C-alpha atoms as a PDB file:
ATOM      1  CA  MET A   1     162.198 -21.980  -7.919  1.00  0.00           C
ATOM      2  CA  ASN A   2     164.910 -24.471  -8.661  1.00  0.00           C
ATOM      3  CA  PRO A   3     163.145 -28.073  -8.909  1.00  0.00           C
ATOM      4  CA  LEU A   4     166.246 -29.752  -7.177  1.00  0.00           C
ATOM      5  CA  PRO A   5     166.901 -27.594  -4.074  1.00  0.00           C
ATOM      6  CA  TYR A   6     168.855 -29.922  -2.061  1.00  0.00           C
ATOM      7  CA  CYS A   7     172.569 -30.850  -3.028  1.00  0.00           C
ATOM      8  CA  VAL A   8     175.066 -33.056  -1.500  1.00  0.00           C
ATOM      9  CA  TYR A   9     178.500 -32.420  -2.275  1.00  0.00           C
ATOM     10  CA  VAL A  10     181.995 -33.769  -2.281  1.00  0.00           C
ATOM     11  CA  LEU A  11     184.997 -31.051  -1.810  1.00  0.00           C
ATOM     12  CA  PHE A  12     188.752 -32.161  -2.632  1.00  0.00           C
ATOM     13  CA  SER A  13     191.665 -30.514  -0.577  1.00  0.00           C
ATOM     14  CA  GLU A  14     194.076 -29.175  -3.066  1.00  0.00           C
ATOM     15  CA  LYS A  15     196.245 -28.901   0.562  1.00  0.00           C
ATOM     16  CA  ASP A  16     196.157 -32.055   2.106  1.00  0.00           C
ATOM     17  CA  PHE A  17     194.183 -33.971  -0.451  1.00  0.00           C
ATOM     18  CA  TYR A  18     191.556 -35.298   1.647  1.00  0.00           C
ATOM     19  CA  LEU A  19     187.657 -35.488   1.129  1.00  0.00           C
ATOM     20  CA  TYR A  20     184.986 -33.040   2.630  1.00  0.00           C
ATOM     21  CA  PHE A  21     181.239 -34.041   2.219  1.00  0.00           C
ATOM     22  CA  GLY A  22     178.833 -31.815   2.830  1.00  0.00           C
ATOM     23  CA  PHE A  23     174.682 -30.602   2.305  1.00  0.00           C
ATOM     24  CA  THR A  24     173.291 -27.454   1.447  1.00  0.00           C
ATOM     25  CA  THR A  25     170.602 -25.474  -0.507  1.00  0.00           C
ATOM     26  CA  ASP A  26     173.040 -23.493  -2.399  1.00  0.00           C
ATOM     27  CA  ILE A  27     175.931 -25.190  -3.763  1.00  0.00           C
ATOM     28  CA  LYS A  28     177.638 -21.668  -5.029  1.00  0.00           C
ATOM     29  CA  LYS A  29     177.342 -20.090  -2.404  1.00  0.00           C
ATOM     30  CA  ARG A  30     178.530 -22.426  -0.327  1.00  0.00           C
ATOM     31  CA  ILE A  31     181.581 -23.214  -2.025  1.00  0.00           C
ATOM     32  CA  ASP A  32     182.442 -19.787  -1.813  1.00  0.00           C
ATOM     33  CA  SER A  33     182.131 -19.691   2.029  1.00  0.00           C
ATOM     34  CA  HIS A  34     184.311 -22.961   2.202  1.00  0.00           C
ATOM     35  CA  ASN A  35     187.111 -21.071  -0.039  1.00  0.00           C
ATOM     36  CA  ARG A  36     186.616 -17.986   2.263  1.00  0.00           C
ATOM     37  CA  GLY A  37     187.416 -19.647   5.441  1.00  0.00           C
ATOM     38  CA  GLU A  38     184.269 -19.078   6.823  1.00  0.00           C
ATOM     39  CA  THR A  39     183.769 -22.984   7.621  1.00  0.00           C
ATOM     40  CA  LYS A  40     185.809 -24.267  10.614  1.00  0.00           C
ATOM     41  CA  SER A  41     186.256 -27.701   9.423  1.00  0.00           C
ATOM     42  CA  THR A  42     187.709 -26.849   6.188  1.00  0.00           C
ATOM     43  CA  SER A  43     189.353 -23.027   6.677  1.00  0.00           C
ATOM     44  CA  TYR A  44     192.924 -24.768   6.983  1.00  0.00           C
ATOM     45  CA  ARG A  45     192.347 -27.118   4.055  1.00  0.00           C
ATOM     46  CA  ARG A  46     192.316 -24.472   1.456  1.00  0.00           C
ATOM     47  CA  PRO A  47     191.807 -24.437  -1.703  1.00  0.00           C
ATOM     48  CA  LEU A  48     188.790 -27.057  -2.108  1.00  0.00           C
ATOM     49  CA  LYS A  49     187.606 -27.722  -5.364  1.00  0.00           C
ATOM     50  CA  LEU A  50     183.992 -29.434  -6.219  1.00  0.00           C
ATOM     51  CA  ILE A  51     184.574 -32.919  -7.421  1.00  0.00           C
ATOM     52  CA  PHE A  52     180.845 -34.088  -6.966  1.00  0.00           C
ATOM     53  CA  CYS A  53     177.599 -32.837  -6.644  1.00  0.00           C
ATOM     54  CA  GLU A  54     174.059 -34.487  -6.473  1.00  0.00           C
ATOM     55  CA  TYR A  55     170.613 -33.238  -6.289  1.00  0.00           C
ATOM     56  CA  TYR A  56     167.562 -34.373  -4.389  1.00  0.00           C
ATOM     57  CA  LEU A  57     164.034 -33.456  -3.946  1.00  0.00           C
ATOM     58  CA  PHE A  58     163.645 -33.855  -0.509  1.00  0.00           C
ATOM     59  CA  GLU A  59     165.835 -32.958   2.230  1.00  0.00           C
ATOM     60  CA  GLU A  60     165.470 -35.945   4.167  1.00  0.00           C
ATOM     61  CA  ASP A  61     166.786 -37.870   1.201  1.00  0.00           C
ATOM     62  CA  ALA A  62     169.859 -35.417   0.745  1.00  0.00           C
ATOM     63  CA  ARG A  63     170.707 -35.828   4.555  1.00  0.00           C
ATOM     64  CA  LYS A  64     170.740 -39.788   4.369  1.00  0.00           C
ATOM     65  CA  ARG A  65     172.579 -39.527   1.134  1.00  0.00           C
ATOM     66  CA  GLU A  66     175.077 -37.022   3.172  1.00  0.00           C
ATOM     67  CA  MET A  67     175.203 -39.031   5.985  1.00  0.00           C
ATOM     68  CA  TYR A  68     175.818 -42.500   3.887  1.00  0.00           C
ATOM     69  CA  PHE A  69     179.176 -40.646   2.534  1.00  0.00           C
ATOM     70  CA  LYS A  70     180.230 -39.946   5.881  1.00  0.00           C
ATOM     71  CA  THR A  71     180.705 -43.453   6.954  1.00  0.00           C
ATOM     72  CA  THR A  72     182.963 -46.348   6.152  1.00  0.00           C
ATOM     73  CA  ALA A  73     180.630 -47.961   3.721  1.00  0.00           C
ATOM     74  CA  GLY A  74     180.324 -44.493   1.950  1.00  0.00           C
END
């Protein structure tokens, strides 16, 4: 079992140079999903590159951090 199962991540679009913020329990699987076009919000922004990943013990903490990144303060 992974001791830090919750990951907040930032992807960089090499197409339009925008950032995408997300939350997952399996970062490798999630990035692959994004780059295969399986995620509606990023399918037209591929290719995407992981530029930041932060792990949390508790899901609530990870979700709060993700929401912080999605605000203007983040």
